[in-house]
Amino acid sequence: MAISTFSVRMESDVKNELDKICAQLGLNTSVAINIFARTVIREKRIPFEISLATGKTAGANAFQALRKQAKANGVQGMSLSEINSEIDRARGKNEMLCSD
């Protein structure tokens, strides 16, 4: 496999902080960038959210994160009564486990 050189311009303080964090993780910056590139290729996307500032509050951001998690877990469309039923079932199982 041929190796290519990749040059990136960034502010010195950003590079220094990146180098420091990579070193703490046991990596060098080149390895970290290769991990990023391979993740982009494997997932066919940037592996983190990139968005314009929309003035969202921390609460709105937390709510959006919960919605993503619910979608990933397949429970996004559940009604409140369905959610409460799930909670009751889980509590019932926990109570049975604790009473043994």
N, C-alpha and C. Protein backbone atom coordinates (compact mmCIF):
# COMPACT_ATOMS: atom_id res chain seq x y z
N MET A 1 0.84 -1.17 0.00
CA MET A 1 0.00 0.00 0.00
C MET A 1 0.89 1.24 0.00
N ALA A 2 0.63 2.14 -0.91
CA ALA A 2 1.39 3.38 -1.00
C ALA A 2 0.99 4.33 0.12
N ILE A 3 1.94 5.07 0.62
CA ILE A 3 1.70 6.04 1.69
C ILE A 3 1.75 7.44 1.06
N SER A 4 0.79 8.28 1.44
CA SER A 4 0.75 9.66 0.97
C SER A 4 0.93 10.60 2.14
N THR A 5 1.45 11.76 1.87
CA THR A 5 1.60 12.79 2.89
C THR A 5 0.40 13.71 2.81
N PHE A 6 -0.10 14.09 3.97
CA PHE A 6 -1.28 14.94 4.07
C PHE A 6 -0.91 16.13 4.94
N SER A 7 -1.04 17.33 4.40
CA SER A 7 -0.66 18.53 5.14
C SER A 7 -1.90 19.32 5.50
N VAL A 8 -1.98 19.74 6.77
CA VAL A 8 -3.14 20.49 7.25
C VAL A 8 -2.66 21.75 7.93
N ARG A 9 -3.30 22.85 7.65
CA ARG A 9 -2.98 24.10 8.33
C ARG A 9 -3.96 24.29 9.49
N MET A 10 -3.41 24.59 10.67
CA MET A 10 -4.25 24.89 11.83
C MET A 10 -3.46 25.79 12.77
N GLU A 11 -4.18 26.44 13.65
CA GLU A 11 -3.54 27.33 14.61
C GLU A 11 -2.62 26.52 15.51
N SER A 12 -1.50 27.11 15.87
CA SER A 12 -0.49 26.42 16.68
C SER A 12 -1.05 25.92 18.00
N ASP A 13 -1.88 26.73 18.67
CA ASP A 13 -2.41 26.30 19.96
C ASP A 13 -3.36 25.11 19.81
N VAL A 14 -4.09 25.05 18.70
CA VAL A 14 -4.97 23.92 18.44
C VAL A 14 -4.13 22.66 18.21
N LYS A 15 -3.08 22.78 17.41
CA LYS A 15 -2.20 21.64 17.13
C LYS A 15 -1.53 21.15 18.41
N ASN A 16 -1.05 22.08 19.22
CA ASN A 16 -0.37 21.69 20.47
C ASN A 16 -1.32 20.95 21.41
N GLU A 17 -2.55 21.45 21.53
CA GLU A 17 -3.53 20.79 22.40
C GLU A 17 -3.89 19.42 21.85
N LEU A 18 -4.06 19.32 20.54
CA LEU A 18 -4.35 18.03 19.90
C LEU A 18 -3.21 17.05 20.14
N ASP A 19 -1.97 17.50 19.95
CA ASP A 19 -0.81 16.65 20.19
C ASP A 19 -0.78 16.15 21.63
N LYS A 20 -1.10 17.04 22.58
CA LYS A 20 -1.07 16.69 24.00
C LYS A 20 -2.12 15.63 24.33
N ILE A 21 -3.34 15.83 23.83
CA ILE A 21 -4.41 14.88 24.11
C ILE A 21 -4.13 13.53 23.45
N CYS A 22 -3.64 13.56 22.21
CA CYS A 22 -3.29 12.31 21.53
C CYS A 22 -2.22 11.55 22.32
N ALA A 23 -1.22 12.26 22.82
CA ALA A 23 -0.16 11.62 23.60
C ALA A 23 -0.73 10.98 24.86
N GLN A 24 -1.67 11.65 25.51
CA GLN A 24 -2.30 11.09 26.71
C GLN A 24 -3.07 9.82 26.39
N LEU A 25 -3.57 9.72 25.15
CA LEU A 25 -4.29 8.54 24.71
C LEU A 25 -3.36 7.45 24.17
N GLY A 26 -2.06 7.75 24.14
CA GLY A 26 -1.10 6.79 23.64
C GLY A 26 -0.99 6.78 22.13
N LEU A 27 -1.39 7.86 21.51
CA LEU A 27 -1.36 8.00 20.05
C LEU A 27 -0.50 9.19 19.67
N ASN A 28 -0.13 9.23 18.40
CA ASN A 28 0.39 10.50 17.90
C ASN A 28 -0.70 11.10 17.01
N THR A 29 -0.55 12.34 16.63
CA THR A 29 -1.58 13.03 15.88
C THR A 29 -1.83 12.37 14.53
N SER A 30 -0.81 11.86 13.90
CA SER A 30 -0.96 11.19 12.62
C SER A 30 -1.87 9.97 12.74
N VAL A 31 -1.69 9.19 13.79
CA VAL A 31 -2.53 8.01 14.02
C VAL A 31 -3.98 8.45 14.27
N ALA A 32 -4.16 9.50 15.07
CA ALA A 32 -5.51 9.99 15.37
C ALA A 32 -6.22 10.44 14.09
N ILE A 33 -5.52 11.13 13.23
CA ILE A 33 -6.13 11.60 11.98
C ILE A 33 -6.44 10.41 11.07
N ASN A 34 -5.57 9.39 11.07
CA ASN A 34 -5.85 8.18 10.30
C ASN A 34 -7.09 7.46 10.84
N ILE A 35 -7.26 7.43 12.16
CA ILE A 35 -8.46 6.83 12.75
C ILE A 35 -9.69 7.58 12.28
N PHE A 36 -9.61 8.91 12.32
CA PHE A 36 -10.72 9.74 11.85
C PHE A 36 -11.04 9.42 10.39
N ALA A 37 -10.02 9.39 9.53
CA ALA A 37 -10.23 9.15 8.10
C ALA A 37 -10.86 7.77 7.86
N ARG A 38 -10.36 6.76 8.55
CA ARG A 38 -10.90 5.41 8.37
C ARG A 38 -12.34 5.31 8.87
N THR A 39 -12.66 6.05 9.93
CA THR A 39 -14.04 6.06 10.43
C THR A 39 -14.96 6.73 9.42
N VAL A 40 -14.54 7.83 8.83
CA VAL A 40 -15.32 8.51 7.79
C VAL A 40 -15.58 7.55 6.63
N ILE A 41 -14.56 6.84 6.21
CA ILE A 41 -14.69 5.90 5.09
C ILE A 41 -15.63 4.75 5.46
N ARG A 42 -15.45 4.18 6.63
CA ARG A 42 -16.27 3.05 7.06
C ARG A 42 -17.73 3.42 7.22
N GLU A 43 -17.99 4.58 7.86
CA GLU A 43 -19.36 4.98 8.16
C GLU A 43 -19.99 5.84 7.08
N LYS A 44 -19.18 6.29 6.12
CA LYS A 44 -19.65 7.15 5.03
C LYS A 44 -20.31 8.43 5.57
N ARG A 45 -19.73 8.96 6.65
CA ARG A 45 -20.22 10.20 7.27
C ARG A 45 -19.14 10.74 8.18
N ILE A 46 -19.27 12.00 8.56
CA ILE A 46 -18.41 12.57 9.59
C ILE A 46 -18.89 11.96 10.92
N PRO A 47 -18.01 11.39 11.73
CA PRO A 47 -18.45 10.62 12.90
C PRO A 47 -18.89 11.47 14.10
N PHE A 48 -19.26 12.69 13.87
CA PHE A 48 -19.82 13.52 14.92
C PHE A 48 -20.68 14.57 14.24
N GLU A 49 -21.56 15.19 15.01
CA GLU A 49 -22.49 16.17 14.44
C GLU A 49 -21.79 17.48 14.16
N ILE A 50 -22.04 18.02 12.99
CA ILE A 50 -21.56 19.35 12.62
C ILE A 50 -22.79 20.17 12.31
N SER A 51 -22.96 21.28 13.02
CA SER A 51 -24.15 22.08 12.79
C SER A 51 -23.85 23.55 13.03
N LEU A 52 -24.70 24.38 12.50
CA LEU A 52 -24.60 25.80 12.75
C LEU A 52 -25.25 26.10 14.09
N ALA A 53 -24.73 27.09 14.78
CA ALA A 53 -25.33 27.48 16.06
C ALA A 53 -26.75 27.95 15.80
N THR A 54 -27.70 27.38 16.53
CA THR A 54 -29.10 27.76 16.32
C THR A 54 -29.67 28.44 17.55
N GLY A 55 -28.82 28.74 18.51
CA GLY A 55 -29.30 29.38 19.72
C GLY A 55 -30.01 28.41 20.65
N LYS A 56 -29.82 27.11 20.44
CA LYS A 56 -30.46 26.12 21.30
C LYS A 56 -29.90 26.23 22.72
N THR A 57 -30.76 25.98 23.66
CA THR A 57 -30.33 25.96 25.05
C THR A 57 -29.75 24.59 25.38
N ALA A 58 -29.11 24.51 26.51
CA ALA A 58 -28.57 23.22 26.95
C ALA A 58 -29.70 22.20 27.09
N GLY A 59 -30.86 22.65 27.56
CA GLY A 59 -32.01 21.76 27.69
C GLY A 59 -32.48 21.22 26.36
N ALA A 60 -32.51 22.09 25.35
CA ALA A 60 -32.92 21.65 24.01
C ALA A 60 -31.91 20.67 23.44
N ASN A 61 -30.65 20.92 23.68
CA ASN A 61 -29.61 19.99 23.21
C ASN A 61 -29.75 18.63 23.90
N ALA A 62 -30.03 18.64 25.19
CA ALA A 62 -30.22 17.39 25.93
C ALA A 62 -31.44 16.64 25.40
N PHE A 63 -32.51 17.38 25.11
CA PHE A 63 -33.71 16.75 24.57
C PHE A 63 -33.43 16.11 23.22
N GLN A 64 -32.69 16.81 22.36
CA GLN A 64 -32.33 16.24 21.05
C GLN A 64 -31.49 14.98 21.21
N ALA A 65 -30.58 14.98 22.17
CA ALA A 65 -29.76 13.79 22.42
C ALA A 65 -30.64 12.63 22.87
N LEU A 66 -31.62 12.90 23.72
CA LEU A 66 -32.54 11.85 24.16
C LEU A 66 -33.37 11.31 23.01
N ARG A 67 -33.79 12.20 22.10
CA ARG A 67 -34.56 11.76 20.93
C ARG A 67 -33.72 10.83 20.05
N LYS A 68 -32.44 11.17 19.86
CA LYS A 68 -31.55 10.31 19.07
C LYS A 68 -31.41 8.96 19.73
N GLN A 69 -31.24 8.96 21.06
CA GLN A 69 -31.08 7.71 21.79
C GLN A 69 -32.35 6.87 21.70
N ALA A 70 -33.52 7.50 21.81
CA ALA A 70 -34.78 6.78 21.70
C ALA A 70 -34.93 6.16 20.32
N LYS A 71 -34.55 6.90 19.29
CA LYS A 71 -34.62 6.38 17.92
C LYS A 71 -33.69 5.19 17.76
N ALA A 72 -32.47 5.31 18.28
CA ALA A 72 -31.50 4.22 18.19
C ALA A 72 -31.98 2.98 18.92
N ASN A 73 -32.73 3.16 20.01
CA ASN A 73 -33.24 2.04 20.81
C ASN A 73 -34.58 1.52 20.31
N GLY A 74 -35.12 2.15 19.26
CA GLY A 74 -36.39 1.69 18.69
C GLY A 74 -37.61 2.04 19.52
N VAL A 75 -37.53 3.07 20.34
CA VAL A 75 -38.67 3.44 21.19
C VAL A 75 -39.14 4.87 20.93
N GLN A 76 -38.78 5.42 19.80
CA GLN A 76 -39.08 6.83 19.52
C GLN A 76 -40.58 7.11 19.46
N GLY A 77 -41.38 6.19 18.94
CA GLY A 77 -42.80 6.47 18.74
C GLY A 77 -43.70 6.03 19.88
N MET A 78 -43.14 5.69 21.03
CA MET A 78 -43.96 5.20 22.13
C MET A 78 -44.76 6.34 22.77
N SER A 79 -46.01 6.01 23.14
CA SER A 79 -46.83 6.98 23.86
C SER A 79 -46.43 6.99 25.33
N LEU A 80 -46.91 7.98 26.05
CA LEU A 80 -46.61 8.07 27.47
C LEU A 80 -47.13 6.84 28.22
N SER A 81 -48.31 6.37 27.87
CA SER A 81 -48.85 5.19 28.56
C SER A 81 -48.02 3.95 28.25
N GLU A 82 -47.51 3.82 27.02
CA GLU A 82 -46.64 2.70 26.68
C GLU A 82 -45.33 2.78 27.46
N ILE A 83 -44.81 3.97 27.60
CA ILE A 83 -43.57 4.16 28.37
C ILE A 83 -43.80 3.78 29.82
N ASN A 84 -44.92 4.25 30.39
CA ASN A 84 -45.24 3.92 31.78
C ASN A 84 -45.44 2.42 31.96
N SER A 85 -46.04 1.75 30.99
CA SER A 85 -46.20 0.29 31.05
C SER A 85 -44.85 -0.40 31.05
N GLU A 86 -43.93 0.07 30.21
CA GLU A 86 -42.57 -0.49 30.19
C GLU A 86 -41.89 -0.32 31.53
N ILE A 87 -42.05 0.86 32.12
CA ILE A 87 -41.45 1.12 33.43
C ILE A 87 -42.04 0.18 34.48
N ASP A 88 -43.38 0.04 34.47
CA ASP A 88 -44.03 -0.85 35.43
C ASP A 88 -43.56 -2.28 35.26
N ARG A 89 -43.44 -2.76 34.01
CA ARG A 89 -42.95 -4.12 33.78
C ARG A 89 -41.53 -4.28 34.30
N ALA A 90 -40.67 -3.27 34.02
CA ALA A 90 -39.28 -3.34 34.49
C ALA A 90 -39.22 -3.34 36.01
N ARG A 91 -40.04 -2.52 36.64
CA ARG A 91 -40.06 -2.48 38.10
C ARG A 91 -40.55 -3.81 38.67
N GLY A 92 -41.52 -4.40 38.03
CA GLY A 92 -42.03 -5.69 38.47
C GLY A 92 -40.97 -6.76 38.40
N LYS A 93 -40.20 -6.77 37.33
CA LYS A 93 -39.12 -7.74 37.19
C LYS A 93 -38.06 -7.51 38.26
N ASN A 94 -37.73 -6.25 38.52
CA ASN A 94 -36.73 -5.94 39.54
C ASN A 94 -37.21 -6.37 40.91
N GLU A 95 -38.51 -6.15 41.19
CA GLU A 95 -39.04 -6.53 42.50
C GLU A 95 -39.01 -8.04 42.67
N MET A 96 -39.30 -8.79 41.57
CA MET A 96 -39.24 -10.25 41.65
C MET A 96 -37.82 -10.72 41.89
N LEU A 97 -36.86 -10.07 41.24
CA LEU A 97 -35.46 -10.45 41.42
C LEU A 97 -35.01 -10.17 42.85
N CYS A 98 -35.48 -9.06 43.41
CA CYS A 98 -35.06 -8.68 44.77
C CYS A 98 -35.72 -9.55 45.83
N SER A 99 -36.92 -10.10 45.54
CA SER A 99 -37.63 -10.87 46.57
C SER A 99 -37.17 -12.32 46.65
N ASP A 100 -36.37 -12.78 45.71
CA ASP A 100 -35.89 -14.18 45.73
C ASP A 100 -34.89 -14.44 46.80
